[in-house]
């Protein structure tokens, strides 16, 4: 899908209509909770095993097996930093992450996951191999790479490498962006710029970004091996 068409066809604040999927996932969660209780009664079962089952039977419906999302709108979780994943899951659970997709998809689901399981799920996804990069339009990738590495001093746009690393590998609570879906990157830059998603550090950095530059950044990040 052309990202410029996507950005015009979906106003900020609106999420894709996937209510049948949401209902199915919520039913799966109910089943998983019963399953988890059964595992808890078995002394040989481990939290890691429970997390793997929840990831495979529930989270994979949107984020793909092992967090290797193939959807343009759901983020890749595989290889993401454990600290970042745990922080985001807690923000969903506490409802302090308030971008539209958060309350449409994740608020209810995260509420049903215990704090200890949040940590275990974060560890599970962090231990998965990162996804391979996907080449995009060479011109867009080149522009995105330059902006990512150098920023734009004239507009007070900091180089993204300052927090996310030279190769977008991220660190600690600064997420890995290498290999992330370009459309997801574009969408998150939109909602952060509009302050629909709270991110004090990012608000000042992205406020001058133009839609085309957001697309270029997404194209570059998705292309990184």
N, C-alpha and C. Protein backbone atom coordinates (compact mmCIF):
# COMPACT_ATOMS: atom_id res chain seq x y z
N UNK A 1 0.85 -1.20 0.00
CA UNK A 1 0.00 0.00 0.00
C UNK A 1 0.88 1.24 0.00
N UNK A 2 0.58 2.20 -0.86
CA UNK A 2 1.33 3.45 -0.86
C UNK A 2 1.11 4.18 0.43
N UNK A 3 2.19 4.57 1.09
CA UNK A 3 2.07 5.17 2.43
C UNK A 3 1.45 6.54 2.39
N UNK A 4 1.63 7.27 1.27
CA UNK A 4 0.99 8.59 1.19
C UNK A 4 -0.52 8.44 1.12
N UNK A 5 -0.97 7.37 0.40
CA UNK A 5 -2.41 7.11 0.36
C UNK A 5 -2.89 6.73 1.74
N UNK A 6 -2.11 5.90 2.43
CA UNK A 6 -2.49 5.47 3.78
C UNK A 6 -2.64 6.67 4.69
N UNK A 7 -1.68 7.60 4.65
CA UNK A 7 -1.71 8.73 5.58
C UNK A 7 -2.88 9.64 5.32
N UNK A 8 -3.37 9.70 4.06
CA UNK A 8 -4.51 10.55 3.77
C UNK A 8 -5.82 9.85 4.06
N UNK A 9 -5.81 8.53 3.90
CA UNK A 9 -7.08 7.81 4.03
C UNK A 9 -7.44 7.52 5.47
N UNK A 10 -6.47 7.63 6.40
CA UNK A 10 -6.75 7.38 7.80
C UNK A 10 -6.38 8.61 8.60
N UNK A 11 -7.35 9.32 9.09
CA UNK A 11 -7.08 10.50 9.91
C UNK A 11 -6.47 10.08 11.22
N UNK A 12 -5.64 10.95 11.78
CA UNK A 12 -5.04 10.65 13.08
C UNK A 12 -6.15 10.47 14.10
N UNK A 13 -6.03 9.38 14.87
CA UNK A 13 -7.05 9.11 15.88
C UNK A 13 -7.95 7.97 15.49
N UNK A 14 -7.85 7.52 14.21
CA UNK A 14 -8.67 6.42 13.77
C UNK A 14 -7.79 5.21 13.54
N UNK A 15 -8.27 4.05 13.96
CA UNK A 15 -7.51 2.82 13.79
C UNK A 15 -8.27 1.91 12.84
N UNK A 16 -7.57 0.94 12.20
CA UNK A 16 -8.25 0.01 11.32
C UNK A 16 -9.34 -0.75 12.06
N UNK A 17 -10.39 -1.08 11.33
CA UNK A 17 -11.50 -1.80 11.96
C UNK A 17 -11.22 -3.28 11.93
N UNK A 18 -10.88 -3.80 13.11
CA UNK A 18 -10.57 -5.23 13.23
C UNK A 18 -11.30 -5.81 14.42
N UNK A 19 -12.54 -5.33 14.67
CA UNK A 19 -13.27 -5.80 15.85
C UNK A 19 -13.50 -7.31 15.86
N UNK A 20 -13.80 -7.96 14.71
CA UNK A 20 -13.94 -9.42 14.77
C UNK A 20 -12.67 -10.09 15.27
N UNK A 21 -11.52 -9.59 14.84
CA UNK A 21 -10.26 -10.13 15.33
C UNK A 21 -10.11 -9.88 16.81
N UNK A 22 -10.46 -8.67 17.27
CA UNK A 22 -10.33 -8.34 18.69
C UNK A 22 -11.18 -9.26 19.54
N UNK A 23 -12.43 -9.52 19.09
CA UNK A 23 -13.31 -10.42 19.84
C UNK A 23 -12.68 -11.81 19.92
N UNK A 24 -12.15 -12.28 18.78
CA UNK A 24 -11.53 -13.60 18.76
C UNK A 24 -10.33 -13.67 19.69
N UNK A 25 -9.55 -12.61 19.71
CA UNK A 25 -8.37 -12.58 20.57
C UNK A 25 -8.77 -12.56 22.04
N UNK A 26 -9.82 -11.79 22.37
CA UNK A 26 -10.27 -11.74 23.76
C UNK A 26 -10.76 -13.11 24.22
N UNK A 27 -11.44 -13.83 23.33
CA UNK A 27 -11.87 -15.19 23.66
C UNK A 27 -10.65 -16.09 23.87
N UNK A 28 -9.64 -15.87 23.04
CA UNK A 28 -8.41 -16.66 23.20
C UNK A 28 -7.74 -16.36 24.52
N UNK A 29 -7.79 -15.08 24.93
CA UNK A 29 -7.20 -14.70 26.21
C UNK A 29 -7.90 -15.43 27.35
N UNK A 30 -9.22 -15.48 27.29
CA UNK A 30 -9.97 -16.17 28.34
C UNK A 30 -9.53 -17.63 28.43
N UNK A 31 -9.37 -18.26 27.25
CA UNK A 31 -8.90 -19.64 27.25
C UNK A 31 -7.49 -19.76 27.78
N UNK A 32 -6.66 -18.78 27.42
CA UNK A 32 -5.27 -18.82 27.87
C UNK A 32 -5.16 -18.65 29.38
N UNK A 33 -6.06 -17.85 29.96
CA UNK A 33 -6.04 -17.66 31.41
C UNK A 33 -6.37 -18.97 32.12
N UNK A 34 -7.35 -19.71 31.57
CA UNK A 34 -7.67 -21.00 32.15
C UNK A 34 -6.48 -21.94 32.01
N UNK A 35 -5.85 -21.88 30.83
CA UNK A 35 -4.68 -22.71 30.58
C UNK A 35 -3.56 -22.36 31.54
N UNK A 36 -3.38 -21.05 31.79
CA UNK A 36 -2.31 -20.60 32.67
C UNK A 36 -2.53 -21.10 34.10
N UNK A 37 -3.80 -21.11 34.53
CA UNK A 37 -4.11 -21.62 35.86
C UNK A 37 -3.74 -23.11 35.97
N UNK A 38 -4.01 -23.82 34.89
CA UNK A 38 -3.67 -25.24 34.89
C UNK A 38 -2.16 -25.42 34.98
N UNK A 39 -1.41 -24.59 34.22
CA UNK A 39 0.04 -24.67 34.27
C UNK A 39 0.56 -24.34 35.67
N UNK A 40 -0.08 -23.34 36.32
CA UNK A 40 0.38 -22.93 37.65
C UNK A 40 0.26 -24.07 38.64
N UNK A 41 -0.72 -24.96 38.41
CA UNK A 41 -0.92 -26.09 39.30
C UNK A 41 0.11 -27.19 39.06
N UNK A 42 0.81 -27.11 37.93
CA UNK A 42 1.82 -28.10 37.57
C UNK A 42 3.20 -27.58 37.96
N UNK A 43 3.84 -28.13 38.94
CA UNK A 43 5.13 -27.60 39.40
C UNK A 43 6.21 -27.66 38.34
N UNK A 44 6.04 -28.48 37.31
CA UNK A 44 7.06 -28.60 36.28
C UNK A 44 6.93 -27.52 35.20
N UNK A 45 5.80 -26.86 35.18
CA UNK A 45 5.62 -25.82 34.17
C UNK A 45 6.40 -24.59 34.59
N UNK A 46 6.83 -23.80 33.62
CA UNK A 46 7.63 -22.62 33.91
C UNK A 46 6.95 -21.39 33.36
N UNK A 47 7.30 -20.23 33.96
CA UNK A 47 6.76 -18.97 33.45
C UNK A 47 7.18 -18.75 32.01
N UNK A 48 8.40 -19.18 31.67
CA UNK A 48 8.87 -19.02 30.29
C UNK A 48 8.01 -19.82 29.32
N UNK A 49 7.63 -21.01 29.73
CA UNK A 49 6.76 -21.82 28.88
C UNK A 49 5.40 -21.20 28.72
N UNK A 50 4.87 -20.63 29.79
CA UNK A 50 3.57 -19.95 29.73
C UNK A 50 3.64 -18.75 28.78
N UNK A 51 4.72 -17.99 28.89
CA UNK A 51 4.88 -16.82 28.03
C UNK A 51 4.93 -17.23 26.57
N UNK A 52 5.64 -18.30 26.29
CA UNK A 52 5.74 -18.77 24.90
C UNK A 52 4.37 -19.18 24.36
N UNK A 53 3.56 -19.81 25.21
CA UNK A 53 2.22 -20.21 24.77
C UNK A 53 1.33 -18.99 24.55
N UNK A 54 1.40 -18.01 25.45
CA UNK A 54 0.60 -16.79 25.27
C UNK A 54 1.03 -16.07 24.00
N UNK A 55 2.34 -15.98 23.79
CA UNK A 55 2.85 -15.33 22.58
C UNK A 55 2.39 -16.05 21.32
N UNK A 56 2.43 -17.38 21.35
CA UNK A 56 2.07 -18.14 20.17
C UNK A 56 0.58 -18.22 19.91
N UNK A 57 -0.23 -18.26 20.97
CA UNK A 57 -1.67 -18.45 20.80
C UNK A 57 -2.46 -17.15 20.78
N UNK A 58 -1.88 -16.06 21.29
CA UNK A 58 -2.62 -14.80 21.36
C UNK A 58 -1.89 -13.69 20.60
N UNK A 59 -0.69 -13.38 21.04
CA UNK A 59 0.03 -12.23 20.46
C UNK A 59 0.35 -12.43 18.98
N UNK A 60 0.57 -13.69 18.59
CA UNK A 60 0.97 -13.96 17.21
C UNK A 60 -0.11 -13.58 16.20
N UNK A 61 -1.36 -13.47 16.65
CA UNK A 61 -2.44 -13.13 15.71
C UNK A 61 -2.23 -11.76 15.09
N UNK A 62 -1.52 -10.89 15.79
CA UNK A 62 -1.20 -9.56 15.24
C UNK A 62 0.29 -9.40 14.97
N UNK A 63 1.12 -9.90 15.88
CA UNK A 63 2.56 -9.64 15.82
C UNK A 63 3.36 -10.74 15.14
N UNK A 64 2.67 -11.79 14.72
CA UNK A 64 3.36 -12.86 14.01
C UNK A 64 4.06 -13.84 14.94
N UNK A 65 4.38 -15.02 14.44
CA UNK A 65 5.09 -16.02 15.25
C UNK A 65 6.43 -15.48 15.75
N UNK A 66 6.66 -15.60 17.05
CA UNK A 66 7.91 -15.12 17.61
C UNK A 66 8.07 -13.61 17.54
N UNK A 67 6.99 -12.90 17.26
CA UNK A 67 7.06 -11.44 17.17
C UNK A 67 7.57 -10.92 15.85
N UNK A 68 7.71 -11.80 14.85
CA UNK A 68 8.20 -11.39 13.53
C UNK A 68 7.03 -10.94 12.66
N UNK A 69 6.45 -9.81 13.02
CA UNK A 69 5.25 -9.32 12.34
C UNK A 69 5.48 -9.15 10.84
N UNK A 70 4.47 -9.57 10.07
CA UNK A 70 4.48 -9.33 8.63
C UNK A 70 3.45 -8.28 8.25
N UNK A 71 2.70 -7.81 9.24
CA UNK A 71 1.68 -6.80 9.01
C UNK A 71 2.31 -5.41 8.96
N UNK A 72 1.85 -4.55 8.06
CA UNK A 72 2.42 -3.20 8.01
C UNK A 72 2.03 -2.33 9.20
N UNK A 73 0.98 -2.69 9.93
CA UNK A 73 0.50 -1.82 11.00
C UNK A 73 0.82 -2.31 12.40
N UNK A 74 1.26 -3.57 12.53
CA UNK A 74 1.60 -4.09 13.85
C UNK A 74 3.12 -4.24 13.95
N UNK A 75 3.71 -3.75 15.04
CA UNK A 75 5.17 -3.71 15.12
C UNK A 75 5.82 -5.07 15.26
N UNK A 76 7.04 -5.14 14.78
CA UNK A 76 7.91 -6.28 15.03
C UNK A 76 8.34 -6.24 16.49
N UNK A 77 8.18 -7.35 17.19
CA UNK A 77 8.62 -7.44 18.59
C UNK A 77 9.88 -8.28 18.73
N UNK A 78 10.15 -9.13 17.77
CA UNK A 78 11.30 -10.02 17.83
C UNK A 78 12.60 -9.22 17.90
N UNK A 79 13.41 -9.52 18.90
CA UNK A 79 14.69 -8.86 19.05
C UNK A 79 14.63 -7.48 19.66
N UNK A 80 13.44 -7.04 20.04
CA UNK A 80 13.30 -5.73 20.67
C UNK A 80 13.88 -5.79 22.08
N UNK A 81 14.29 -4.64 22.61
CA UNK A 81 14.92 -4.63 23.93
C UNK A 81 13.91 -4.93 25.03
N UNK A 82 14.34 -5.78 25.94
CA UNK A 82 13.48 -6.25 27.01
C UNK A 82 12.93 -5.11 27.85
N UNK A 83 13.77 -4.15 28.20
CA UNK A 83 13.35 -3.03 29.04
C UNK A 83 12.28 -2.19 28.35
N UNK A 84 12.46 -1.98 27.05
CA UNK A 84 11.49 -1.20 26.29
C UNK A 84 10.16 -1.94 26.20
N UNK A 85 10.20 -3.21 25.90
CA UNK A 85 8.97 -3.99 25.79
C UNK A 85 8.20 -4.00 27.11
N UNK A 86 8.91 -4.22 28.21
CA UNK A 86 8.24 -4.25 29.52
C UNK A 86 7.63 -2.89 29.84
N UNK A 87 8.35 -1.81 29.52
CA UNK A 87 7.83 -0.47 29.79
C UNK A 87 6.57 -0.19 28.98
N UNK A 88 6.55 -0.62 27.72
CA UNK A 88 5.37 -0.38 26.88
C UNK A 88 4.18 -1.22 27.33
N UNK A 89 4.42 -2.47 27.70
CA UNK A 89 3.33 -3.31 28.18
C UNK A 89 2.73 -2.74 29.47
N UNK A 90 3.56 -2.20 30.33
CA UNK A 90 3.05 -1.59 31.56
C UNK A 90 2.29 -0.30 31.24
N UNK A 91 2.76 0.44 30.25
CA UNK A 91 2.04 1.65 29.85
C UNK A 91 0.67 1.31 29.27
N UNK A 92 0.59 0.20 28.54
CA UNK A 92 -0.72 -0.26 28.05
C UNK A 92 -1.62 -0.66 29.22
N UNK A 93 -1.04 -1.41 30.14
CA UNK A 93 -1.81 -1.89 31.28
C UNK A 93 -2.30 -0.74 32.15
N UNK A 94 -1.45 0.25 32.37
CA UNK A 94 -1.81 1.41 33.18
C UNK A 94 -2.62 2.45 32.41
N UNK A 95 -2.74 2.22 31.11
CA UNK A 95 -3.44 3.14 30.20
C UNK A 95 -2.81 4.52 30.18
N UNK A 96 -1.50 4.54 30.31
CA UNK A 96 -0.77 5.80 30.18
C UNK A 96 -0.21 5.98 28.78
N UNK A 97 -0.21 4.91 27.99
CA UNK A 97 0.09 5.05 26.56
C UNK A 97 -1.25 5.15 25.85
N UNK A 98 -1.52 6.31 25.28
CA UNK A 98 -2.89 6.60 24.86
C UNK A 98 -3.06 6.85 23.38
N UNK A 99 -2.10 6.42 22.56
CA UNK A 99 -2.34 6.57 21.12
C UNK A 99 -3.51 5.69 20.70
N UNK A 100 -4.19 6.01 19.61
CA UNK A 100 -5.42 5.30 19.24
C UNK A 100 -5.28 3.79 19.18
N UNK A 101 -4.20 3.30 18.58
CA UNK A 101 -4.03 1.86 18.49
C UNK A 101 -3.86 1.23 19.87
N UNK A 102 -3.30 1.98 20.81
CA UNK A 102 -3.12 1.46 22.17
C UNK A 102 -4.46 1.12 22.80
N UNK A 103 -5.38 2.09 22.79
CA UNK A 103 -6.65 1.79 23.47
C UNK A 103 -7.58 0.93 22.62
N UNK A 104 -7.35 0.86 21.31
CA UNK A 104 -8.19 -0.01 20.48
C UNK A 104 -7.75 -1.47 20.54
N UNK A 105 -6.48 -1.71 20.76
CA UNK A 105 -5.97 -3.08 20.72
C UNK A 105 -5.39 -3.58 22.04
N UNK A 106 -4.61 -2.74 22.71
CA UNK A 106 -3.75 -3.25 23.76
C UNK A 106 -4.22 -3.01 25.19
N UNK A 107 -5.05 -2.02 25.44
CA UNK A 107 -5.43 -1.72 26.82
C UNK A 107 -6.04 -2.92 27.52
N UNK A 108 -7.05 -3.52 26.90
CA UNK A 108 -7.73 -4.64 27.53
C UNK A 108 -6.82 -5.85 27.65
N UNK A 109 -6.08 -6.14 26.59
CA UNK A 109 -5.22 -7.31 26.60
C UNK A 109 -4.15 -7.21 27.68
N UNK A 110 -3.52 -6.04 27.79
CA UNK A 110 -2.45 -5.87 28.77
C UNK A 110 -2.98 -5.94 30.20
N UNK A 111 -4.22 -5.53 30.41
CA UNK A 111 -4.82 -5.58 31.74
C UNK A 111 -4.89 -7.01 32.27
N UNK A 112 -5.03 -7.96 31.36
CA UNK A 112 -5.19 -9.35 31.75
C UNK A 112 -3.87 -10.08 31.96
N UNK A 113 -2.75 -9.35 31.81
CA UNK A 113 -1.43 -9.97 31.99
C UNK A 113 -0.82 -9.47 33.29
N UNK A 114 -0.35 -10.39 34.12
CA UNK A 114 0.25 -10.01 35.40
C UNK A 114 1.57 -9.28 35.18
N UNK A 115 2.01 -8.56 36.21
CA UNK A 115 3.29 -7.85 36.13
C UNK A 115 4.44 -8.81 35.89
N UNK A 116 4.42 -9.94 36.55
CA UNK A 116 5.51 -10.90 36.36
C UNK A 116 5.50 -11.48 34.95
N UNK A 117 4.30 -11.69 34.39
CA UNK A 117 4.21 -12.21 33.04
C UNK A 117 4.64 -11.16 32.01
N UNK A 118 4.41 -9.88 32.31
CA UNK A 118 4.90 -8.82 31.44
C UNK A 118 6.42 -8.94 31.29
N UNK A 119 7.11 -9.12 32.40
CA UNK A 119 8.57 -9.26 32.35
C UNK A 119 8.98 -10.50 31.57
N UNK A 120 8.24 -11.58 31.75
CA UNK A 120 8.59 -12.83 31.08
C UNK A 120 8.32 -12.74 29.58
N UNK A 121 7.22 -12.12 29.21
CA UNK A 121 6.93 -11.92 27.79
C UNK A 121 7.97 -11.02 27.13
N UNK A 122 8.35 -9.96 27.85
CA UNK A 122 9.38 -9.06 27.32
C UNK A 122 10.69 -9.81 27.09
N UNK A 123 11.05 -10.67 28.04
CA UNK A 123 12.27 -11.46 27.89
C UNK A 123 12.14 -12.42 26.71
N UNK A 124 10.98 -13.03 26.56
CA UNK A 124 10.77 -13.97 25.45
C UNK A 124 10.98 -13.29 24.10
N UNK A 125 10.34 -12.14 23.90
CA UNK A 125 10.47 -11.47 22.61
C UNK A 125 11.88 -10.93 22.39
N UNK A 126 12.50 -10.44 23.45
CA UNK A 126 13.87 -9.92 23.32
C UNK A 126 14.84 -11.01 22.90
N UNK A 127 14.54 -12.25 23.27
CA UNK A 127 15.44 -13.37 22.95
C UNK A 127 15.22 -13.93 21.55
N UNK A 128 14.20 -13.47 20.84
CA UNK A 128 13.93 -13.96 19.49
C UNK A 128 14.85 -13.26 18.49
N UNK A 129 15.20 -13.93 17.39
CA UNK A 129 16.09 -13.30 16.41
C UNK A 129 15.40 -12.13 15.71
N UNK A 130 16.09 -11.02 15.53
CA UNK A 130 15.50 -9.88 14.81
C UNK A 130 15.14 -10.26 13.38
N UNK A 131 14.18 -9.56 12.81
CA UNK A 131 13.77 -9.84 11.44
C UNK A 131 14.78 -9.24 10.46
N UNK A 132 14.84 -9.82 9.29
CA UNK A 132 15.73 -9.30 8.25
C UNK A 132 15.15 -8.03 7.66
N UNK A 133 16.03 -7.15 7.21
CA UNK A 133 15.58 -5.92 6.57
C UNK A 133 14.87 -6.20 5.25
N UNK A 134 14.06 -5.26 4.83
CA UNK A 134 13.32 -5.40 3.58
C UNK A 134 13.60 -4.18 2.71
N UNK A 135 14.27 -4.37 1.58
CA UNK A 135 14.64 -3.23 0.73
C UNK A 135 13.42 -2.43 0.30
N UNK A 136 13.61 -1.12 0.17
CA UNK A 136 12.55 -0.24 -0.29
C UNK A 136 13.04 0.63 -1.43
N UNK A 137 12.29 1.69 -1.70
CA UNK A 137 12.67 2.62 -2.76
C UNK A 137 14.05 3.21 -2.44
N UNK A 138 15.02 3.02 -3.33
CA UNK A 138 16.39 3.46 -3.03
C UNK A 138 16.50 4.94 -2.69
N UNK A 139 15.74 5.78 -3.37
CA UNK A 139 15.80 7.22 -3.10
C UNK A 139 15.28 7.53 -1.71
N UNK A 140 14.14 6.91 -1.35
CA UNK A 140 13.56 7.14 -0.02
C UNK A 140 14.49 6.61 1.07
N UNK A 141 15.08 5.44 0.83
CA UNK A 141 16.00 4.85 1.81
C UNK A 141 17.21 5.76 2.03
N UNK A 142 17.75 6.31 0.95
CA UNK A 142 18.91 7.19 1.05
C UNK A 142 18.58 8.46 1.83
N UNK A 143 17.43 9.05 1.56
CA UNK A 143 17.01 10.26 2.27
C UNK A 143 16.78 9.96 3.75
N UNK A 144 16.13 8.84 4.02
CA UNK A 144 15.88 8.46 5.40
C UNK A 144 17.16 8.19 6.16
N UNK A 145 18.11 7.56 5.50
CA UNK A 145 19.40 7.27 6.13
C UNK A 145 20.13 8.56 6.52
N UNK A 146 20.12 9.52 5.62
CA UNK A 146 20.80 10.79 5.90
C UNK A 146 20.14 11.53 7.07
N UNK A 147 18.82 11.54 7.09
CA UNK A 147 18.11 12.21 8.18
C UNK A 147 18.33 11.48 9.49
N UNK A 148 18.32 10.15 9.45
CA UNK A 148 18.53 9.36 10.66
C UNK A 148 19.92 9.60 11.24
N UNK A 149 20.91 9.66 10.38
CA UNK A 149 22.29 9.77 10.83
C UNK A 149 22.73 11.20 11.16
N UNK A 150 22.15 12.18 10.47
CA UNK A 150 22.62 13.56 10.61
C UNK A 150 21.60 14.50 11.21
N UNK A 151 20.31 14.17 11.14
CA UNK A 151 19.29 15.10 11.59
C UNK A 151 19.27 16.33 10.70
N UNK A 152 18.78 17.43 11.25
CA UNK A 152 18.75 18.70 10.52
C UNK A 152 18.91 19.81 11.55
N UNK A 153 20.14 20.29 11.69
CA UNK A 153 20.45 21.29 12.71
C UNK A 153 19.65 22.57 12.52
N UNK A 154 19.36 22.93 11.28
CA UNK A 154 18.63 24.17 11.02
C UNK A 154 17.22 24.13 11.60
N UNK A 155 16.67 22.94 11.71
CA UNK A 155 15.31 22.80 12.26
C UNK A 155 15.32 22.14 13.64
N UNK A 156 16.48 22.07 14.24
CA UNK A 156 16.63 21.47 15.58
C UNK A 156 16.15 20.02 15.62
N UNK A 157 16.38 19.31 14.52
CA UNK A 157 16.05 17.89 14.46
C UNK A 157 17.33 17.10 14.77
N UNK A 158 17.34 16.46 15.91
CA UNK A 158 18.52 15.71 16.36
C UNK A 158 18.69 14.45 15.52
N UNK A 159 19.92 14.05 15.32
CA UNK A 159 20.19 12.78 14.66
C UNK A 159 19.61 11.63 15.48
N UNK A 160 18.93 10.72 14.83
CA UNK A 160 18.28 9.61 15.53
C UNK A 160 19.30 8.68 16.17
N UNK A 161 20.53 8.69 15.62
CA UNK A 161 21.58 7.82 16.15
C UNK A 161 21.92 8.14 17.60
N UNK A 162 21.62 9.37 18.03
CA UNK A 162 21.95 9.79 19.39
C UNK A 162 21.33 8.87 20.44
N UNK A 163 20.13 8.39 20.17
CA UNK A 163 19.44 7.51 21.12
C UNK A 163 19.29 6.08 20.60
N UNK A 164 19.09 5.96 19.29
CA UNK A 164 18.74 4.65 18.73
C UNK A 164 19.94 3.89 18.16
N UNK A 165 21.13 4.49 18.23
CA UNK A 165 22.32 3.79 17.78
C UNK A 165 22.63 4.01 16.31
N UNK A 166 23.88 3.81 15.96
CA UNK A 166 24.35 4.05 14.60
C UNK A 166 23.63 3.18 13.58
N UNK A 167 23.27 1.98 13.99
CA UNK A 167 22.59 1.04 13.10
C UNK A 167 21.15 0.80 13.52
N UNK A 168 20.58 1.77 14.26
CA UNK A 168 19.19 1.67 14.74
C UNK A 168 18.97 0.46 15.62
N UNK A 169 20.04 0.02 16.30
CA UNK A 169 19.94 -1.15 17.15
C UNK A 169 19.29 -0.84 18.49
N UNK A 170 19.21 0.43 18.86
CA UNK A 170 18.58 0.82 20.12
C UNK A 170 19.40 0.41 21.33
N UNK A 171 18.89 0.79 22.49
CA UNK A 171 19.57 0.45 23.75
C UNK A 171 18.62 0.70 24.90
N UNK A 172 18.49 -0.30 25.78
CA UNK A 172 17.70 -0.16 26.99
C UNK A 172 16.27 0.24 26.66
N UNK A 173 15.78 1.41 27.11
CA UNK A 173 14.40 1.80 26.83
C UNK A 173 14.27 2.54 25.50
N UNK A 174 15.39 2.72 24.80
CA UNK A 174 15.33 3.30 23.47
C UNK A 174 15.18 2.15 22.48
N UNK A 175 14.07 2.06 21.79
CA UNK A 175 13.76 0.85 21.03
C UNK A 175 14.67 0.60 19.84
N UNK A 176 14.84 -0.67 19.54
CA UNK A 176 15.45 -1.09 18.29
C UNK A 176 14.48 -0.71 17.16
N UNK A 177 14.99 -0.04 16.15
CA UNK A 177 14.17 0.36 15.01
C UNK A 177 14.57 -0.36 13.73
N UNK A 178 15.72 -0.98 13.72
CA UNK A 178 16.20 -1.69 12.54
C UNK A 178 15.23 -2.82 12.18
N UNK A 179 14.79 -2.85 10.94
CA UNK A 179 13.89 -3.89 10.48
C UNK A 179 12.43 -3.67 10.83
N UNK A 180 12.12 -2.56 11.51
CA UNK A 180 10.74 -2.29 11.90
C UNK A 180 9.91 -1.97 10.66
N UNK A 181 8.62 -2.26 10.69
CA UNK A 181 7.75 -2.04 9.53
C UNK A 181 7.65 -0.55 9.24
N UNK A 182 7.86 -0.18 7.99
CA UNK A 182 7.92 1.24 7.61
C UNK A 182 6.61 1.96 7.89
N UNK A 183 5.51 1.30 7.64
CA UNK A 183 4.22 1.94 7.86
C UNK A 183 3.95 2.15 9.34
N UNK A 184 4.40 1.22 10.17
CA UNK A 184 4.26 1.37 11.61
C UNK A 184 5.10 2.55 12.10
N UNK A 185 6.34 2.66 11.60
CA UNK A 185 7.21 3.78 11.97
C UNK A 185 6.53 5.10 11.59
N UNK A 186 6.01 5.16 10.39
CA UNK A 186 5.34 6.37 9.91
C UNK A 186 4.18 6.75 10.82
N UNK A 187 3.38 5.76 11.17
CA UNK A 187 2.21 6.00 12.01
C UNK A 187 2.62 6.50 13.40
N UNK A 188 3.64 5.88 13.99
CA UNK A 188 4.06 6.30 15.32
C UNK A 188 4.65 7.69 15.31
N UNK A 189 5.37 8.05 14.27
CA UNK A 189 5.87 9.42 14.17
C UNK A 189 4.71 10.41 14.06
N UNK A 190 3.67 10.01 13.36
CA UNK A 190 2.47 10.85 13.27
C UNK A 190 1.85 11.10 14.64
N UNK A 191 1.59 10.02 15.37
CA UNK A 191 0.87 10.18 16.63
C UNK A 191 1.73 10.85 17.70
N UNK A 192 3.05 10.64 17.64
CA UNK A 192 3.93 11.33 18.58
C UNK A 192 3.97 12.82 18.25
N UNK A 193 4.05 13.14 16.97
CA UNK A 193 4.07 14.55 16.57
C UNK A 193 2.78 15.25 16.99
N UNK A 194 1.66 14.55 16.89
CA UNK A 194 0.37 15.13 17.28
C UNK A 194 0.13 15.03 18.79
N UNK A 195 1.10 14.47 19.52
CA UNK A 195 1.04 14.29 20.96
C UNK A 195 -0.16 13.44 21.39
N UNK A 196 -0.53 12.50 20.52
CA UNK A 196 -1.51 11.49 20.89
C UNK A 196 -0.84 10.34 21.63
N UNK A 197 0.46 10.23 21.45
CA UNK A 197 1.26 9.30 22.23
C UNK A 197 2.30 10.11 22.98
N UNK A 198 2.31 9.99 24.30
CA UNK A 198 3.22 10.78 25.11
C UNK A 198 4.64 10.24 24.99
N UNK A 199 5.53 11.11 24.61
CA UNK A 199 6.95 10.77 24.52
C UNK A 199 7.73 12.07 24.59
N UNK A 200 7.94 12.60 25.81
CA UNK A 200 8.55 13.93 25.98
C UNK A 200 9.84 14.13 25.21
N UNK A 201 10.70 13.10 25.17
CA UNK A 201 11.96 13.24 24.45
C UNK A 201 11.71 13.41 22.96
N UNK A 202 10.77 12.64 22.44
CA UNK A 202 10.51 12.63 21.00
C UNK A 202 9.71 13.83 20.51
N UNK A 203 8.87 14.40 21.36
CA UNK A 203 8.00 15.49 20.92
C UNK A 203 8.79 16.63 20.29
N UNK A 204 9.86 17.04 20.95
CA UNK A 204 10.65 18.14 20.42
C UNK A 204 11.42 17.78 19.17
N UNK A 205 11.80 16.51 19.06
CA UNK A 205 12.61 16.07 17.92
C UNK A 205 11.80 15.97 16.65
N UNK A 206 10.56 15.48 16.75
CA UNK A 206 9.78 15.20 15.55
C UNK A 206 8.83 16.32 15.15
N UNK A 207 8.75 17.38 15.95
CA UNK A 207 7.71 18.38 15.68
C UNK A 207 7.85 19.07 14.33
N UNK A 208 9.08 19.11 13.80
CA UNK A 208 9.30 19.77 12.51
C UNK A 208 9.35 18.79 11.34
N UNK A 209 9.22 17.52 11.61
CA UNK A 209 9.29 16.54 10.53
C UNK A 209 8.09 16.67 9.60
N UNK A 210 8.35 16.55 8.31
CA UNK A 210 7.29 16.57 7.31
C UNK A 210 6.85 15.14 7.01
N UNK A 211 5.61 14.95 6.55
CA UNK A 211 5.13 13.59 6.27
C UNK A 211 6.06 12.81 5.35
N UNK A 212 6.58 13.46 4.32
CA UNK A 212 7.48 12.76 3.41
C UNK A 212 8.75 12.30 4.10
N UNK A 213 9.23 13.07 5.05
CA UNK A 213 10.43 12.69 5.80
C UNK A 213 10.14 11.51 6.72
N UNK A 214 8.95 11.47 7.28
CA UNK A 214 8.56 10.33 8.10
C UNK A 214 8.53 9.06 7.25
N UNK A 215 8.03 9.18 6.03
CA UNK A 215 8.00 8.03 5.14
C UNK A 215 9.41 7.57 4.79
N UNK A 216 10.29 8.53 4.54
CA UNK A 216 11.68 8.19 4.21
C UNK A 216 12.36 7.48 5.38
N UNK A 217 12.13 7.97 6.59
CA UNK A 217 12.69 7.32 7.78
C UNK A 217 12.17 5.88 7.90
N UNK A 218 10.87 5.70 7.68
CA UNK A 218 10.30 4.36 7.74
C UNK A 218 10.91 3.44 6.70
N UNK A 219 11.09 3.96 5.49
CA UNK A 219 11.68 3.15 4.41
C UNK A 219 13.11 2.73 4.76
N UNK A 220 13.88 3.67 5.31
CA UNK A 220 15.25 3.35 5.69
C UNK A 220 15.31 2.34 6.81
N UNK A 221 14.53 2.54 7.86
CA UNK A 221 14.58 1.65 9.02
C UNK A 221 14.16 0.24 8.65
N UNK A 222 13.15 0.12 7.80
CA UNK A 222 12.70 -1.21 7.38
C UNK A 222 13.78 -1.91 6.55
N UNK A 223 14.63 -1.15 5.89
CA UNK A 223 15.63 -1.75 5.01
C UNK A 223 16.86 -2.26 5.74
N UNK A 224 17.04 -1.88 7.01
CA UNK A 224 18.26 -2.24 7.73
C UNK A 224 18.26 -3.73 8.05
N UNK A 225 19.32 -4.43 7.70
CA UNK A 225 19.39 -5.88 7.98
C UNK A 225 19.31 -6.21 9.46
